[in-house]
Amino acid sequence: MQQKEEASEEELRQQKAEMQQKEEALATRLMHTINEMETISEQLADERRQNGQKGAALEEAKNEVAKIRDMKIRLESERNDLKRKLESAEDDYNKLRGVKIRLESE
């Protein structure tokens, strides 16, 4: 009977040793998984930060494009005003030239 008890105790010791090995292996895998998750979290945080910076740069670029578009519209308007003034000045010049020629011919 004592041999049976000793065999049972040895079996229990072996099972306990196997369970400790499995526990250590699981703990190692768990730590590895936690480290991987931390690395992935850091990468995601970096990507999120970079995307935020890209978004801010894109927004700034959009604002600059809008300013340039507004400036283009103002310059086109000013150019059209100057063009009308030049045409008016040319018309006045031609009228004055015609008056001058008539006066000289009299």
N, C-alpha and C. Protein backbone atom coordinates (compact mmCIF):
# COMPACT_ATOMS: atom_id res chain seq x y z
N MET A 1 0.82 -1.18 0.00
CA MET A 1 0.00 0.00 0.00
C MET A 1 0.86 1.25 0.00
N GLN A 2 1.94 1.17 0.75
CA GLN A 2 2.84 2.31 0.82
C GLN A 2 3.45 2.57 -0.56
N GLN A 3 3.69 1.50 -1.30
CA GLN A 3 4.24 1.66 -2.64
C GLN A 3 3.24 2.40 -3.54
N LYS A 4 1.97 2.08 -3.36
CA LYS A 4 0.94 2.76 -4.15
C LYS A 4 0.90 4.25 -3.80
N GLU A 5 0.99 4.53 -2.53
CA GLU A 5 0.98 5.93 -2.09
C GLU A 5 2.21 6.66 -2.61
N GLU A 6 3.35 5.98 -2.55
CA GLU A 6 4.57 6.61 -3.06
C GLU A 6 4.47 6.83 -4.57
N ALA A 7 3.89 5.86 -5.26
CA ALA A 7 3.72 6.00 -6.72
C ALA A 7 2.75 7.14 -7.01
N SER A 8 1.70 7.24 -6.23
CA SER A 8 0.74 8.33 -6.41
C SER A 8 1.39 9.67 -6.13
N GLU A 9 2.19 9.71 -5.08
CA GLU A 9 2.89 10.96 -4.76
C GLU A 9 3.86 11.34 -5.86
N GLU A 10 4.56 10.36 -6.39
CA GLU A 10 5.51 10.62 -7.50
C GLU A 10 4.75 11.13 -8.73
N GLU A 11 3.62 10.49 -8.99
CA GLU A 11 2.79 10.91 -10.12
C GLU A 11 2.30 12.35 -9.92
N LEU A 12 1.90 12.66 -8.69
CA LEU A 12 1.45 14.02 -8.38
C LEU A 12 2.60 15.02 -8.54
N ARG A 13 3.79 14.62 -8.10
CA ARG A 13 4.96 15.51 -8.27
C ARG A 13 5.23 15.75 -9.75
N GLN A 14 5.14 14.71 -10.54
CA GLN A 14 5.37 14.85 -11.98
C GLN A 14 4.30 15.75 -12.61
N GLN A 15 3.06 15.54 -12.22
CA GLN A 15 1.98 16.37 -12.74
C GLN A 15 2.18 17.83 -12.33
N LYS A 16 2.59 18.00 -11.06
CA LYS A 16 2.85 19.36 -10.57
C LYS A 16 3.99 20.00 -11.37
N ALA A 17 5.05 19.25 -11.62
CA ALA A 17 6.19 19.77 -12.39
C ALA A 17 5.75 20.11 -13.82
N GLU A 18 4.95 19.25 -14.43
CA GLU A 18 4.44 19.51 -15.78
C GLU A 18 3.57 20.76 -15.79
N MET A 19 2.72 20.88 -14.80
CA MET A 19 1.84 22.05 -14.72
C MET A 19 2.65 23.33 -14.52
N GLN A 20 3.71 23.25 -13.71
CA GLN A 20 4.56 24.43 -13.51
C GLN A 20 5.26 24.81 -14.82
N GLN A 21 5.70 23.80 -15.58
CA GLN A 21 6.33 24.08 -16.87
C GLN A 21 5.33 24.74 -17.82
N LYS A 22 4.12 24.19 -17.84
CA LYS A 22 3.07 24.76 -18.70
C LYS A 22 2.74 26.18 -18.26
N GLU A 23 2.69 26.39 -16.94
CA GLU A 23 2.39 27.72 -16.41
C GLU A 23 3.49 28.71 -16.81
N GLU A 24 4.74 28.27 -16.69
CA GLU A 24 5.85 29.14 -17.09
C GLU A 24 5.81 29.44 -18.58
N ALA A 25 5.50 28.42 -19.38
CA ALA A 25 5.40 28.62 -20.83
C ALA A 25 4.28 29.60 -21.16
N LEU A 26 3.14 29.43 -20.48
CA LEU A 26 2.01 30.35 -20.70
C LEU A 26 2.36 31.77 -20.25
N ALA A 27 3.05 31.88 -19.13
CA ALA A 27 3.46 33.21 -18.64
C ALA A 27 4.40 33.87 -19.64
N THR A 28 5.33 33.08 -20.19
CA THR A 28 6.26 33.60 -21.19
C THR A 28 5.50 34.06 -22.44
N ARG A 29 4.56 33.22 -22.91
CA ARG A 29 3.76 33.59 -24.08
C ARG A 29 2.92 34.84 -23.80
N LEU A 30 2.38 34.90 -22.58
CA LEU A 30 1.57 36.06 -22.20
C LEU A 30 2.42 37.33 -22.21
N MET A 31 3.62 37.26 -21.66
CA MET A 31 4.51 38.43 -21.65
C MET A 31 4.88 38.84 -23.08
N HIS A 32 5.14 37.84 -23.92
CA HIS A 32 5.45 38.13 -25.32
C HIS A 32 4.26 38.81 -26.00
N THR A 33 3.08 38.30 -25.75
CA THR A 33 1.87 38.88 -26.33
C THR A 33 1.65 40.31 -25.82
N ILE A 34 1.88 40.51 -24.54
CA ILE A 34 1.73 41.86 -23.96
C ILE A 34 2.73 42.82 -24.61
N ASN A 35 3.98 42.36 -24.77
CA ASN A 35 4.99 43.20 -25.42
C ASN A 35 4.60 43.53 -26.86
N GLU A 36 4.08 42.53 -27.58
CA GLU A 36 3.62 42.78 -28.95
C GLU A 36 2.48 43.79 -28.98
N MET A 37 1.55 43.66 -28.04
CA MET A 37 0.42 44.59 -27.97
C MET A 37 0.91 46.00 -27.67
N GLU A 38 1.89 46.14 -26.77
CA GLU A 38 2.44 47.45 -26.47
C GLU A 38 3.12 48.04 -27.69
N THR A 39 3.86 47.22 -28.42
CA THR A 39 4.53 47.69 -29.64
C THR A 39 3.50 48.14 -30.67
N ILE A 40 2.46 47.34 -30.84
CA ILE A 40 1.41 47.70 -31.80
C ILE A 40 0.70 48.97 -31.36
N SER A 41 0.45 49.11 -30.07
CA SER A 41 -0.19 50.33 -29.56
C SER A 41 0.67 51.55 -29.82
N GLU A 42 1.98 51.41 -29.61
CA GLU A 42 2.89 52.53 -29.88
C GLU A 42 2.91 52.88 -31.36
N GLN A 43 2.92 51.84 -32.21
CA GLN A 43 2.89 52.09 -33.65
C GLN A 43 1.61 52.80 -34.07
N LEU A 44 0.50 52.35 -33.51
CA LEU A 44 -0.79 52.99 -33.82
C LEU A 44 -0.82 54.44 -33.34
N ALA A 45 -0.25 54.67 -32.16
CA ALA A 45 -0.20 56.04 -31.64
C ALA A 45 0.66 56.92 -32.55
N ASP A 46 1.79 56.38 -33.02
CA ASP A 46 2.65 57.13 -33.94
C ASP A 46 1.92 57.41 -35.25
N GLU A 47 1.24 56.40 -35.78
CA GLU A 47 0.49 56.59 -37.02
C GLU A 47 -0.62 57.63 -36.83
N ARG A 48 -1.30 57.57 -35.69
CA ARG A 48 -2.37 58.53 -35.41
C ARG A 48 -1.79 59.95 -35.33
N ARG A 49 -0.62 60.08 -34.68
CA ARG A 49 0.03 61.39 -34.58
C ARG A 49 0.44 61.88 -35.97
N GLN A 50 1.03 60.98 -36.76
CA GLN A 50 1.44 61.36 -38.11
C GLN A 50 0.24 61.75 -38.96
N ASN A 51 -0.85 60.99 -38.83
CA ASN A 51 -2.07 61.32 -39.58
C ASN A 51 -2.62 62.67 -39.14
N GLY A 52 -2.52 62.94 -37.84
CA GLY A 52 -2.96 64.25 -37.34
C GLY A 52 -2.12 65.37 -37.93
N GLN A 53 -0.81 65.14 -38.01
CA GLN A 53 0.08 66.15 -38.59
C GLN A 53 -0.21 66.31 -40.08
N LYS A 54 -0.44 65.20 -40.76
CA LYS A 54 -0.77 65.27 -42.19
C LYS A 54 -2.09 66.00 -42.39
N GLY A 55 -3.05 65.71 -41.52
CA GLY A 55 -4.36 66.38 -41.61
C GLY A 55 -4.22 67.87 -41.40
N ALA A 56 -3.39 68.26 -40.42
CA ALA A 56 -3.19 69.69 -40.16
C ALA A 56 -2.49 70.35 -41.35
N ALA A 57 -1.49 69.66 -41.91
CA ALA A 57 -0.78 70.20 -43.07
C ALA A 57 -1.73 70.31 -44.27
N LEU A 58 -2.59 69.32 -44.44
CA LEU A 58 -3.55 69.35 -45.54
C LEU A 58 -4.53 70.50 -45.36
N GLU A 59 -4.99 70.70 -44.14
CA GLU A 59 -5.91 71.81 -43.85
C GLU A 59 -5.24 73.15 -44.13
N GLU A 60 -3.98 73.26 -43.73
CA GLU A 60 -3.23 74.49 -43.98
C GLU A 60 -3.06 74.72 -45.48
N ALA A 61 -2.78 73.65 -46.21
CA ALA A 61 -2.63 73.76 -47.67
C ALA A 61 -3.95 74.18 -48.31
N LYS A 62 -5.06 73.62 -47.82
CA LYS A 62 -6.38 74.01 -48.35
C LYS A 62 -6.63 75.50 -48.11
N ASN A 63 -6.27 75.97 -46.92
CA ASN A 63 -6.44 77.38 -46.61
C ASN A 63 -5.59 78.25 -47.53
N GLU A 64 -4.36 77.82 -47.80
CA GLU A 64 -3.48 78.57 -48.69
C GLU A 64 -4.05 78.59 -50.11
N VAL A 65 -4.57 77.46 -50.56
CA VAL A 65 -5.17 77.40 -51.89
C VAL A 65 -6.37 78.35 -51.97
N ALA A 66 -7.17 78.38 -50.92
CA ALA A 66 -8.33 79.28 -50.89
C ALA A 66 -7.87 80.73 -50.95
N LYS A 67 -6.81 81.08 -50.21
CA LYS A 67 -6.28 82.44 -50.25
C LYS A 67 -5.78 82.79 -51.64
N ILE A 68 -5.07 81.86 -52.26
CA ILE A 68 -4.56 82.10 -53.62
C ILE A 68 -5.71 82.25 -54.60
N ARG A 69 -6.74 81.43 -54.45
CA ARG A 69 -7.91 81.53 -55.33
C ARG A 69 -8.58 82.89 -55.17
N ASP A 70 -8.74 83.34 -53.92
CA ASP A 70 -9.34 84.66 -53.66
C ASP A 70 -8.49 85.76 -54.26
N MET A 71 -7.16 85.63 -54.10
CA MET A 71 -6.26 86.64 -54.65
C MET A 71 -6.35 86.65 -56.18
N LYS A 72 -6.45 85.48 -56.78
CA LYS A 72 -6.57 85.39 -58.25
C LYS A 72 -7.84 86.09 -58.71
N ILE A 73 -8.94 85.87 -58.00
CA ILE A 73 -10.21 86.50 -58.37
C ILE A 73 -10.08 88.02 -58.25
N ARG A 74 -9.46 88.49 -57.15
CA ARG A 74 -9.29 89.95 -56.98
C ARG A 74 -8.40 90.52 -58.07
N LEU A 75 -7.31 89.82 -58.40
CA LEU A 75 -6.40 90.31 -59.44
C LEU A 75 -7.08 90.31 -60.81
N GLU A 76 -7.87 89.29 -61.09
CA GLU A 76 -8.60 89.26 -62.37
C GLU A 76 -9.59 90.42 -62.43
N SER A 77 -10.26 90.69 -61.32
CA SER A 77 -11.19 91.81 -61.28
C SER A 77 -10.46 93.13 -61.49
N GLU A 78 -9.34 93.28 -60.81
CA GLU A 78 -8.55 94.51 -60.95
C GLU A 78 -8.02 94.65 -62.38
N ARG A 79 -7.59 93.53 -62.98
CA ARG A 79 -7.12 93.55 -64.36
C ARG A 79 -8.24 93.99 -65.30
N ASN A 80 -9.45 93.45 -65.07
CA ASN A 80 -10.59 93.83 -65.91
C ASN A 80 -10.91 95.32 -65.75
N ASP A 81 -10.84 95.84 -64.51
CA ASP A 81 -11.07 97.27 -64.28
C ASP A 81 -10.03 98.10 -65.02
N LEU A 82 -8.77 97.69 -64.91
CA LEU A 82 -7.69 98.43 -65.60
C LEU A 82 -7.86 98.35 -67.12
N LYS A 83 -8.30 97.21 -67.60
CA LYS A 83 -8.52 97.03 -69.04
C LYS A 83 -9.63 97.98 -69.52
N ARG A 84 -10.71 98.07 -68.73
CA ARG A 84 -11.80 99.00 -69.09
C ARG A 84 -11.30 100.45 -69.07
N LYS A 85 -10.51 100.79 -68.05
CA LYS A 85 -9.97 102.16 -67.97
C LYS A 85 -9.06 102.45 -69.15
N LEU A 86 -8.24 101.46 -69.54
CA LEU A 86 -7.35 101.64 -70.69
C LEU A 86 -8.16 101.83 -71.96
N GLU A 87 -9.20 101.01 -72.14
CA GLU A 87 -10.05 101.15 -73.33
C GLU A 87 -10.72 102.53 -73.34
N SER A 88 -11.17 102.98 -72.17
CA SER A 88 -11.79 104.29 -72.07
C SER A 88 -10.78 105.39 -72.39
N ALA A 89 -9.56 105.24 -71.87
CA ALA A 89 -8.51 106.23 -72.14
C ALA A 89 -8.16 106.23 -73.63
N GLU A 90 -8.12 105.04 -74.25
CA GLU A 90 -7.84 104.98 -75.69
C GLU A 90 -8.95 105.65 -76.48
N ASP A 91 -10.22 105.43 -76.06
CA ASP A 91 -11.34 106.09 -76.73
C ASP A 91 -11.22 107.60 -76.59
N ASP A 92 -10.91 108.08 -75.37
CA ASP A 92 -10.73 109.53 -75.15
C ASP A 92 -9.60 110.06 -76.00
N TYR A 93 -8.50 109.33 -76.08
CA TYR A 93 -7.35 109.75 -76.88
C TYR A 93 -7.74 109.87 -78.35
N ASN A 94 -8.46 108.84 -78.84
CA ASN A 94 -8.88 108.86 -80.25
C ASN A 94 -9.84 110.02 -80.52
N LYS A 95 -10.73 110.32 -79.57
CA LYS A 95 -11.64 111.46 -79.74
C LYS A 95 -10.85 112.76 -79.78
N LEU A 96 -9.91 112.91 -78.84
CA LEU A 96 -9.08 114.12 -78.79
C LEU A 96 -8.24 114.26 -80.06
N ARG A 97 -7.74 113.14 -80.55
CA ARG A 97 -6.94 113.17 -81.78
C ARG A 97 -7.80 113.63 -82.95
N GLY A 98 -9.05 113.10 -82.97
CA GLY A 98 -9.97 113.52 -84.04
C GLY A 98 -10.27 115.02 -83.94
N VAL A 99 -10.46 115.52 -82.72
CA VAL A 99 -10.72 116.95 -82.53
C VAL A 99 -9.51 117.75 -82.98
N LYS A 100 -8.32 117.30 -82.64
CA LYS A 100 -7.08 117.98 -83.00
C LYS A 100 -6.94 118.05 -84.51
N ILE A 101 -7.22 116.91 -85.18
CA ILE A 101 -7.09 116.89 -86.64
C ILE A 101 -8.09 117.84 -87.27
N ARG A 102 -9.32 117.91 -86.75
CA ARG A 102 -10.31 118.85 -87.28
C ARG A 102 -9.88 120.28 -87.05
N LEU A 103 -9.33 120.53 -85.86
CA LEU A 103 -8.89 121.90 -85.56
C LEU A 103 -7.72 122.31 -86.44
N GLU A 104 -6.84 121.39 -86.71
CA GLU A 104 -5.69 121.70 -87.56
C GLU A 104 -6.11 121.93 -89.00
N SER A 105 -7.18 121.24 -89.41
CA SER A 105 -7.62 121.36 -90.80
C SER A 105 -8.43 122.64 -91.03
N GLU A 106 -8.87 123.27 -90.03
CA GLU A 106 -9.66 124.50 -90.18
C GLU A 106 -8.83 125.65 -90.45
